[in-house]
Amino acid sequence: MALIVQKFGGTSVGSPERIQNVARRVARWKAMGHQIVVVPSAMSGETNRLIGLAKALQPEPDARELDVVASTGEQVTIGLLSMALMSIGVKAKSYTGAQVRVMTDSAFTKARIVHIDDERLRKDLAQGIVPVVAGFQGIDANGNITTLGRGGSDTSAVALAAVLKADECQIYTDVDGVYTTDPRIVEGARRLKTITFEEMLEMASLGSKVLQIRSVEFAGKYKVRLRVLSSFEDDGDGTLITFEEDERMEQAVISGIAFNRDEAKITVMGVPDRPGIAYAILGPVADANIDVDMIIQNSGVDGLTDFSFTVHRNEFAKAMEIVKKVNAHIGAKNAVGDNKICKISMVGVGMRSHVGIASQMFRTLAEEGINIQMISTSEIKISVVVDEKYLELAVRVLHNAFGLDKPGK
């Protein structure tokens, strides 16, 4: 008998019929003798609807009140799924984040989990009850409802698996595992049987939408065995995310290609090249709670430098406004922006033992006439920024050049 935490995404619970399918799946695992904790997301599209309602009344919604509104989507789902389980003879009980006492900090709309009280859940499991716990939400020390940010249900599930010391955390979604890249872009994309936490962390951070990055970080930190499965297929092993460095890593230099369309680039031109200038530019950006991704500084011979960095496209306008204010104080000549870029990244632990990966990547893109605007590397990753219009072409040619296509594709 194993203790398993099963997380179901919004599409998995997108209708009463799909909720019934989830209940039947849970019942099958329960019938095999396993203890099951279920963490559902809100029904597909519901969180967007709720946020839309809030913005209709307050264009920039108060963060505390927005969390109160947004958290109700999961509350509906846990109640419906518990009813569906009961209707087929499975004892179930729903819990909001506050009822379980998923304690978080007070960073509304992007809270982080501090502690989870597992007492109620363990009592239920001992009595053969399936606890159905709302993902995405918690409660702070002052009793305020908080949410964990978009995709936070993954993090909720992994955190529960960690505190319960579950044998496995299964993430059910609308895909049957982690692929070498998005199959909608590359027909020959392959499902990976296994991928390391290190690779998955890079893939998630670089734009892969299969898992939320914080959930992967949590799983890696607490050694939670993680598996991605399809909600719509009864068979299949999905993709296991593991620490084990097996033979595959010696054979496959690149495990996958991730991409992100939601990028924008800002370049501060003619900046005095002196100590502290990077902080003078990025400090105010960080103070505005804007995440900066790639950074490049080019020093010139005239004592001036151009300083470029990327931000999420949704924060481009806000970041540009901040940078233009900073320009006057630092003596920069100008600031220009481009919100029509994308980031493409190759990931693989095999890079550690193979040379020439970057040059092959650059040559492949050059042969297609694709200009590289920025480059960033780590031990197991190479990322480039290119014009957004080249995204699909770049992903396809790189996928083929590094032998990731299915045979015959």
Protein backbone atom coordinates (compact mmCIF):
# COMPACT_ATOMS: atom_id res chain seq x y z
CA MET A 1 0.00 0.00 0.00
CA ALA A 2 1.33 3.43 -0.95
CA LEU A 3 0.42 6.96 0.05
CA ILE A 4 -0.12 8.97 -3.13
CA VAL A 5 -0.97 12.63 -3.65
CA GLN A 6 -2.83 13.17 -6.93
CA LYS A 7 -3.14 16.65 -8.42
CA PHE A 8 -5.66 17.33 -11.20
CA GLY A 9 -5.42 20.43 -13.38
CA GLY A 10 -8.21 22.71 -14.55
CA THR A 11 -8.92 20.85 -17.78
CA SER A 12 -9.14 17.59 -15.82
CA VAL A 13 -12.01 19.01 -13.74
CA GLY A 14 -13.44 21.30 -16.42
CA SER A 15 -16.98 19.90 -16.36
CA PRO A 16 -19.20 17.66 -14.17
CA GLU A 17 -18.46 14.76 -16.53
CA ARG A 18 -14.71 15.25 -16.20
CA ILE A 19 -15.02 15.54 -12.42
CA GLN A 20 -16.82 12.18 -12.46
CA ASN A 21 -13.95 10.73 -14.52
CA VAL A 22 -11.48 11.99 -11.93
CA ALA A 23 -13.57 10.42 -9.16
CA ARG A 24 -13.54 7.06 -10.96
CA ARG A 25 -9.77 7.27 -11.39
CA VAL A 26 -9.29 8.04 -7.70
CA ALA A 27 -11.63 5.18 -6.80
CA ARG A 28 -9.53 2.73 -8.85
CA TRP A 29 -6.36 3.71 -7.00
CA LYS A 30 -8.22 3.49 -3.68
CA ALA A 31 -9.51 0.02 -4.61
CA MET A 32 -5.92 -1.11 -5.12
CA GLY A 33 -5.32 -0.44 -1.44
CA HIS A 34 -3.56 2.93 -1.72
CA GLN A 35 -4.14 5.93 0.51
CA ILE A 36 -5.02 8.90 -1.69
CA VAL A 37 -4.98 12.66 -1.13
CA VAL A 38 -6.43 14.68 -4.03
CA VAL A 39 -5.54 18.28 -4.90
CA PRO A 40 -7.71 19.75 -7.70
CA SER A 41 -7.34 23.09 -9.45
CA ALA A 42 -10.26 25.36 -10.25
CA MET A 43 -12.34 24.33 -13.27
CA SER A 44 -10.73 25.35 -16.55
CA GLY A 45 -11.14 29.08 -17.19
CA GLU A 46 -12.68 29.78 -13.79
CA THR A 47 -9.72 31.67 -12.29
CA ASN A 48 -9.57 33.94 -15.33
CA ARG A 49 -13.31 34.57 -14.99
CA LEU A 50 -12.96 35.48 -11.32
CA ILE A 51 -10.04 37.83 -11.96
CA GLY A 52 -12.05 39.40 -14.76
CA LEU A 53 -14.91 40.08 -12.35
CA ALA A 54 -12.51 41.73 -9.93
CA LYS A 55 -10.97 43.93 -12.64
CA ALA A 56 -14.43 44.99 -13.82
CA LEU A 57 -14.91 46.65 -10.44
CA GLN A 58 -11.34 47.71 -9.71
CA PRO A 59 -8.90 47.90 -12.67
CA GLU A 60 -5.97 47.26 -10.31
CA PRO A 61 -7.61 44.96 -7.75
CA ASP A 62 -6.59 45.14 -4.13
CA ALA A 63 -4.28 42.13 -3.69
CA ARG A 64 -5.88 40.90 -0.46
CA GLU A 65 -9.39 41.04 -1.86
CA LEU A 66 -8.28 39.51 -5.16
CA ASP A 67 -7.03 36.46 -3.25
CA VAL A 68 -10.40 36.17 -1.51
CA VAL A 69 -12.11 36.12 -4.90
CA ALA A 70 -9.61 33.96 -6.82
CA SER A 71 -9.47 31.26 -4.15
CA THR A 72 -13.16 30.43 -4.54
CA GLY A 73 -12.55 28.56 -7.79
CA GLU A 74 -10.81 25.71 -5.99
CA GLN A 75 -13.40 25.73 -3.21
CA VAL A 76 -16.09 24.89 -5.76
CA THR A 77 -14.02 22.06 -7.23
CA ILE A 78 -13.19 20.35 -3.94
CA GLY A 79 -16.85 20.27 -2.98
CA LEU A 80 -17.97 18.90 -6.34
CA LEU A 81 -15.22 16.27 -6.47
CA SER A 82 -16.00 15.13 -2.93
CA MET A 83 -19.65 14.72 -3.92
CA ALA A 84 -18.64 12.76 -7.02
CA LEU A 85 -16.50 10.42 -4.91
CA MET A 86 -19.28 9.90 -2.38
CA SER A 87 -21.72 9.10 -5.18
CA ILE A 88 -19.62 6.08 -6.18
CA GLY A 89 -19.09 4.84 -2.65
CA VAL A 90 -15.76 6.45 -1.78
CA LYS A 91 -15.57 8.26 1.55
CA ALA A 92 -14.26 11.78 0.92
CA LYS A 93 -13.98 15.09 2.71
CA SER A 94 -13.13 18.49 1.23
CA TYR A 95 -10.78 21.04 2.81
CA THR A 96 -9.86 24.59 1.91
CA GLY A 97 -6.26 25.66 2.45
CA ALA A 98 -7.32 27.43 5.63
CA GLN A 99 -9.06 24.32 7.02
CA VAL A 100 -5.98 22.17 6.51
CA ARG A 101 -3.89 25.08 7.76
CA VAL A 102 -1.62 25.55 4.80
CA MET A 103 0.28 28.41 6.40
CA THR A 104 1.89 30.95 4.07
CA ASP A 105 3.57 34.33 4.24
CA SER A 106 1.48 37.43 3.51
CA ALA A 107 2.59 38.09 -0.08
CA PHE A 108 -0.90 38.23 -1.57
CA THR A 109 -1.31 36.71 -5.07
CA LYS A 110 2.16 35.11 -4.84
CA ALA A 111 2.40 33.70 -1.31
CA ARG A 112 4.92 31.06 -0.28
CA ILE A 113 4.15 28.08 1.93
CA VAL A 114 5.70 28.22 5.40
CA HIS A 115 4.13 25.20 7.13
CA ILE A 116 1.37 22.63 6.67
CA ASP A 117 -0.51 20.97 9.53
CA ASP A 118 -1.00 17.34 8.47
CA GLU A 119 -2.94 16.14 11.54
CA ARG A 120 -6.43 16.23 9.99
CA LEU A 121 -5.27 14.59 6.79
CA ARG A 122 -3.56 11.72 8.62
CA LYS A 123 -6.69 11.09 10.70
CA ASP A 124 -8.81 10.93 7.56
CA LEU A 125 -6.39 8.59 5.80
CA ALA A 126 -6.36 6.28 8.81
CA GLN A 127 -10.16 6.09 8.58
CA GLY A 128 -10.16 5.31 4.86
CA ILE A 129 -11.28 8.80 3.85
CA VAL A 130 -9.93 10.55 0.74
CA PRO A 131 -9.09 14.15 1.69
CA VAL A 132 -9.76 16.55 -1.19
CA VAL A 133 -7.64 19.63 -0.55
CA ALA A 134 -7.93 22.93 -2.42
CA GLY A 135 -4.77 23.72 -4.31
CA PHE A 136 -3.41 27.21 -4.99
CA GLN A 137 -4.37 28.65 -1.60
CA GLY A 138 -3.43 29.00 2.03
CA ILE A 139 -3.77 31.30 5.02
CA ASP A 140 -1.32 33.71 6.63
CA ALA A 141 -0.57 34.26 10.32
CA ASN A 142 -3.27 36.96 10.49
CA GLY A 143 -5.98 34.66 9.12
CA ASN A 144 -6.02 36.21 5.65
CA ILE A 145 -6.70 34.00 2.64
CA THR A 146 -3.68 33.88 0.32
CA THR A 147 -3.00 32.38 -3.08
CA LEU A 148 0.27 30.96 -4.37
CA GLY A 149 0.28 32.49 -7.84
CA ARG A 150 -0.66 30.97 -11.18
CA GLY A 151 -0.05 27.22 -11.30
CA GLY A 152 0.12 27.15 -7.51
CA SER A 153 -1.93 23.95 -7.27
CA ASP A 154 1.15 22.01 -8.39
CA THR A 155 3.08 23.53 -5.50
CA SER A 156 0.24 22.72 -3.08
CA ALA A 157 0.28 19.07 -4.14
CA VAL A 158 4.05 18.70 -3.88
CA ALA A 159 4.10 20.45 -0.49
CA LEU A 160 1.41 18.09 0.83
CA ALA A 161 3.33 15.11 -0.54
CA ALA A 162 6.45 16.37 1.23
CA VAL A 163 4.82 16.86 4.63
CA LEU A 164 2.95 13.54 4.41
CA LYS A 165 6.11 11.77 3.14
CA ALA A 166 4.05 10.38 0.26
CA ASP A 167 5.46 7.62 -1.91
CA GLU A 168 4.65 9.60 -5.05
CA CYS A 169 3.08 12.85 -6.18
CA GLN A 170 1.19 12.40 -9.43
CA ILE A 171 0.45 15.49 -11.51
CA TYR A 172 -2.45 14.80 -13.87
CA THR A 173 -2.74 17.22 -16.75
CA ASP A 174 -3.88 17.40 -20.37
CA VAL A 175 -0.61 15.91 -21.65
CA ASP A 176 0.72 12.41 -21.01
CA GLY A 177 4.15 13.47 -19.82
CA VAL A 178 7.09 15.76 -20.45
CA TYR A 179 8.08 16.06 -24.10
CA THR A 180 11.33 16.99 -25.80
CA THR A 181 9.47 20.14 -26.86
CA ASP A 182 5.87 21.26 -27.47
CA PRO A 183 4.27 18.68 -29.84
CA ARG A 184 2.10 21.46 -31.26
CA ILE A 185 5.26 23.08 -32.62
CA VAL A 186 7.24 19.97 -33.56
CA GLU A 187 5.28 16.95 -34.82
CA GLY A 188 8.21 14.67 -34.05
CA ALA A 189 8.48 15.62 -30.36
CA ARG A 190 8.95 12.59 -28.08
CA ARG A 191 7.67 11.87 -24.59
CA LEU A 192 10.49 11.36 -22.10
CA LYS A 193 10.25 8.33 -19.80
CA THR A 194 12.44 10.06 -17.24
CA ILE A 195 13.98 13.46 -16.72
CA THR A 196 16.15 14.70 -13.87
CA PHE A 197 14.92 17.31 -11.40
CA GLU A 198 17.75 19.53 -12.56
CA GLU A 199 16.62 19.34 -16.18
CA MET A 200 12.95 19.72 -15.28
CA LEU A 201 13.74 22.77 -13.18
CA GLU A 202 15.47 24.37 -16.15
CA MET A 203 12.63 23.39 -18.51
CA ALA A 204 10.01 24.83 -16.16
CA SER A 205 11.97 28.06 -15.63
CA LEU A 206 12.51 28.47 -19.37
CA GLY A 207 8.91 28.29 -20.50
CA SER A 208 7.78 24.65 -20.37
CA LYS A 209 4.18 24.81 -19.12
CA VAL A 210 3.90 21.20 -17.93
CA LEU A 211 4.90 21.97 -14.34
CA GLN A 212 5.15 25.15 -12.34
CA ILE A 213 8.77 25.92 -11.42
CA ARG A 214 8.07 26.33 -7.71
CA SER A 215 6.57 22.84 -7.55
CA VAL A 216 9.72 21.38 -9.10
CA GLU A 217 11.91 23.32 -6.67
CA PHE A 218 9.81 22.04 -3.77
CA ALA A 219 9.96 18.45 -5.02
CA GLY A 220 13.72 18.62 -5.48
CA LYS A 221 14.30 20.14 -2.04
CA TYR A 222 12.20 17.56 -0.19
CA LYS A 223 13.01 14.57 -2.41
CA VAL A 224 9.39 14.10 -3.53
CA ARG A 225 9.02 11.47 -6.25
CA LEU A 226 7.15 13.30 -9.02
CA ARG A 227 5.31 11.87 -12.03
CA VAL A 228 3.43 13.64 -14.84
CA LEU A 229 0.43 11.73 -16.22
CA SER A 230 -2.55 12.33 -18.51
CA SER A 231 -6.00 12.81 -17.05
CA PHE A 232 -7.54 11.46 -20.22
CA GLU A 233 -5.64 8.18 -20.65
CA ASP A 234 -5.99 5.22 -18.32
CA ASP A 235 -2.75 3.57 -19.37
CA GLY A 236 0.80 4.89 -19.56
CA ASP A 237 3.59 5.61 -17.14
CA GLY A 238 3.89 9.29 -17.99
CA THR A 239 7.22 10.91 -17.18
CA LEU A 240 9.07 10.25 -13.93
CA ILE A 241 11.13 13.14 -12.58
CA THR A 242 14.08 11.64 -10.79
CA PHE A 243 17.48 12.26 -9.24
CA GLU A 244 18.99 9.16 -10.78
CA GLU A 245 21.66 9.75 -13.41
CA ASP A 246 21.05 6.79 -15.65
CA GLU A 247 22.62 5.76 -18.94
CA ARG A 248 20.26 7.98 -20.90
CA MET A 249 22.28 10.99 -19.84
CA GLU A 250 25.38 9.67 -21.55
CA GLN A 251 23.42 8.98 -24.74
CA ALA A 252 21.26 12.11 -24.99
CA VAL A 253 23.20 15.35 -24.94
CA ILE A 254 20.01 17.42 -25.08
CA SER A 255 16.87 16.31 -23.26
CA GLY A 256 14.55 19.02 -24.46
CA ILE A 257 13.99 22.43 -25.99
CA ALA A 258 11.93 24.97 -24.06
CA PHE A 259 10.70 28.32 -25.28
CA ASN A 260 8.95 31.37 -23.93
CA ARG A 261 6.97 33.89 -25.96
CA ASP A 262 6.31 36.13 -22.96
CA GLU A 263 9.62 37.97 -23.13
CA ALA A 264 10.50 41.62 -23.67
CA LYS A 265 13.91 43.27 -23.93
CA ILE A 266 15.01 46.66 -22.64
CA THR A 267 18.32 48.25 -23.62
CA VAL A 268 19.76 51.25 -21.80
CA MET A 269 22.16 52.89 -24.24
CA GLY A 270 25.22 55.03 -23.55
CA VAL A 271 25.48 54.24 -19.85
CA PRO A 272 28.60 55.47 -18.00
CA ASP A 273 30.79 52.39 -17.42
CA ARG A 274 31.42 52.68 -13.69
CA PRO A 275 30.97 50.50 -10.57
CA GLY A 276 27.39 50.28 -9.35
CA ILE A 277 25.76 51.14 -12.65
CA ALA A 278 24.03 47.73 -12.94
CA TYR A 279 22.47 48.24 -9.52
CA ALA A 280 21.48 51.80 -10.40
CA ILE A 281 19.45 50.41 -13.32
CA LEU A 282 18.12 47.15 -11.89
CA GLY A 283 17.64 48.23 -8.26
CA PRO A 284 14.52 50.29 -8.99
CA VAL A 285 13.23 47.52 -11.26
CA ALA A 286 13.62 44.99 -8.44
CA ASP A 287 12.01 47.41 -5.97
CA ALA A 288 8.95 47.39 -8.25
CA ASN A 289 8.80 43.58 -7.84
CA ILE A 290 9.67 42.99 -11.51
CA ASP A 291 11.67 39.85 -12.23
CA VAL A 292 14.65 40.25 -14.54
CA ASP A 293 15.76 37.27 -16.60
CA MET A 294 18.71 37.59 -19.00
CA ILE A 295 21.26 40.40 -18.61
CA ILE A 296 23.99 41.52 -21.01
CA GLN A 297 26.41 44.44 -20.64
CA ASN A 298 28.63 45.53 -23.54
CA SER A 299 31.54 47.79 -22.62
CA GLY A 300 32.78 50.34 -25.17
CA VAL A 301 36.08 52.16 -25.61
CA ASP A 302 34.60 55.59 -24.88
CA GLY A 303 33.77 54.84 -21.26
CA LEU A 304 30.16 54.09 -22.10
CA THR A 305 28.28 50.81 -22.17
CA ASP A 306 24.97 49.42 -23.42
CA PHE A 307 23.03 47.47 -20.79
CA SER A 308 20.30 45.03 -21.90
CA PHE A 309 17.95 42.86 -19.86
CA THR A 310 14.72 40.94 -20.35
CA VAL A 311 11.49 40.96 -18.33
CA HIS A 312 8.11 39.30 -18.64
CA ARG A 313 6.10 40.89 -21.43
CA ASN A 314 3.28 41.78 -19.02
CA GLU A 315 5.73 43.94 -17.05
CA PHE A 316 7.43 45.53 -20.06
CA ALA A 317 5.56 48.85 -19.96
CA LYS A 318 6.07 49.22 -16.22
CA ALA A 319 9.78 48.40 -16.49
CA MET A 320 10.27 50.85 -19.38
CA GLU A 321 8.65 53.61 -17.36
CA ILE A 322 11.03 52.94 -14.45
CA VAL A 323 14.11 52.80 -16.68
CA LYS A 324 13.26 56.10 -18.38
CA LYS A 325 13.07 57.76 -14.96
CA VAL A 326 16.40 56.23 -13.98
CA ASN A 327 18.10 57.44 -17.18
CA ALA A 328 18.17 61.05 -16.07
CA HIS A 329 19.95 60.16 -12.84
CA ILE A 330 22.63 57.92 -14.36
CA GLY A 331 23.36 59.99 -17.45
CA ALA A 332 22.30 57.38 -20.01
CA LYS A 333 21.72 58.51 -23.59
CA ASN A 334 18.54 56.57 -24.29
CA ALA A 335 16.44 53.50 -23.49
CA VAL A 336 14.77 51.35 -26.13
CA GLY A 337 12.53 48.32 -25.83
CA ASP A 338 11.32 45.37 -27.86
CA ASN A 339 8.34 43.26 -26.81
CA LYS A 340 8.37 41.08 -29.93
CA ILE A 341 11.12 38.68 -28.88
CA CYS A 342 11.18 35.13 -27.58
CA LYS A 343 13.61 32.95 -25.66
CA ILE A 344 14.61 29.49 -26.88
CA SER A 345 16.58 27.17 -24.60
CA MET A 346 18.24 23.79 -24.96
CA VAL A 347 18.48 21.73 -21.78
CA GLY A 348 20.44 18.57 -21.01
CA VAL A 349 22.72 17.20 -18.31
CA GLY A 350 24.68 15.60 -21.15
CA MET A 351 26.14 19.05 -21.91
CA ARG A 352 28.50 18.51 -19.01
CA SER A 353 30.36 15.79 -20.87
CA HIS A 354 30.01 17.02 -24.47
CA VAL A 355 31.67 20.00 -26.14
CA GLY A 356 30.58 22.02 -29.15
CA ILE A 357 26.89 22.21 -28.24
CA ALA A 358 26.75 26.00 -28.33
CA SER A 359 28.58 26.24 -31.67
CA GLN A 360 26.25 23.66 -33.22
CA MET A 361 23.23 25.57 -31.94
CA PHE A 362 24.52 28.88 -33.30
CA ARG A 363 25.43 27.35 -36.66
CA THR A 364 21.99 25.76 -37.02
CA LEU A 365 20.27 29.08 -36.40
CA ALA A 366 22.66 30.97 -38.67
CA GLU A 367 21.94 28.58 -41.54
CA GLU A 368 18.27 29.58 -41.27
CA GLY A 369 19.10 33.29 -41.20
CA ILE A 370 17.99 33.65 -37.57
CA ASN A 371 19.84 36.42 -35.74
CA ILE A 372 20.71 35.89 -32.07
CA GLN A 373 20.17 38.99 -29.91
CA MET A 374 21.20 37.67 -26.49
CA ILE A 375 22.88 34.52 -25.16
CA SER A 376 22.84 32.99 -21.69
CA THR A 377 24.41 29.71 -20.57
CA SER A 378 24.67 27.46 -17.55
CA GLU A 379 26.17 24.04 -16.99
CA ILE A 380 23.15 22.26 -18.51
CA LYS A 381 21.44 25.02 -20.52
CA ILE A 382 21.95 27.38 -23.45
CA SER A 383 19.37 30.12 -24.03
CA VAL A 384 19.11 32.60 -26.88
CA VAL A 385 16.81 35.53 -27.56
CA VAL A 386 15.58 35.88 -31.14
CA ASP A 387 12.84 37.72 -32.99
CA GLU A 388 9.47 36.22 -32.07
CA LYS A 389 8.58 35.53 -35.70
CA TYR A 390 11.36 32.91 -35.87
CA LEU A 391 10.26 30.94 -32.80
CA GLU A 392 8.64 27.92 -34.46
CA LEU A 393 11.27 27.64 -37.19
CA ALA A 394 14.09 27.82 -34.64
CA VAL A 395 12.57 25.17 -32.39
CA ARG A 396 11.96 22.80 -35.30
CA VAL A 397 15.45 23.04 -36.79
CA LEU A 398 17.16 22.69 -33.40
CA HIS A 399 14.98 19.73 -32.47
CA ASN A 400 16.05 18.01 -35.67
CA ALA A 401 19.72 19.06 -35.50
CA PHE A 402 20.16 17.52 -32.05
CA GLY A 403 18.46 14.22 -32.89
CA LEU A 404 15.34 14.73 -30.80
CA ASP A 405 12.81 13.94 -33.56
CA LYS A 406 10.93 10.64 -33.49
CA PRO A 407 12.30 8.11 -35.98
CA GLY A 408 10.88 8.79 -39.43
CA LYS A 409 9.98 12.43 -38.65
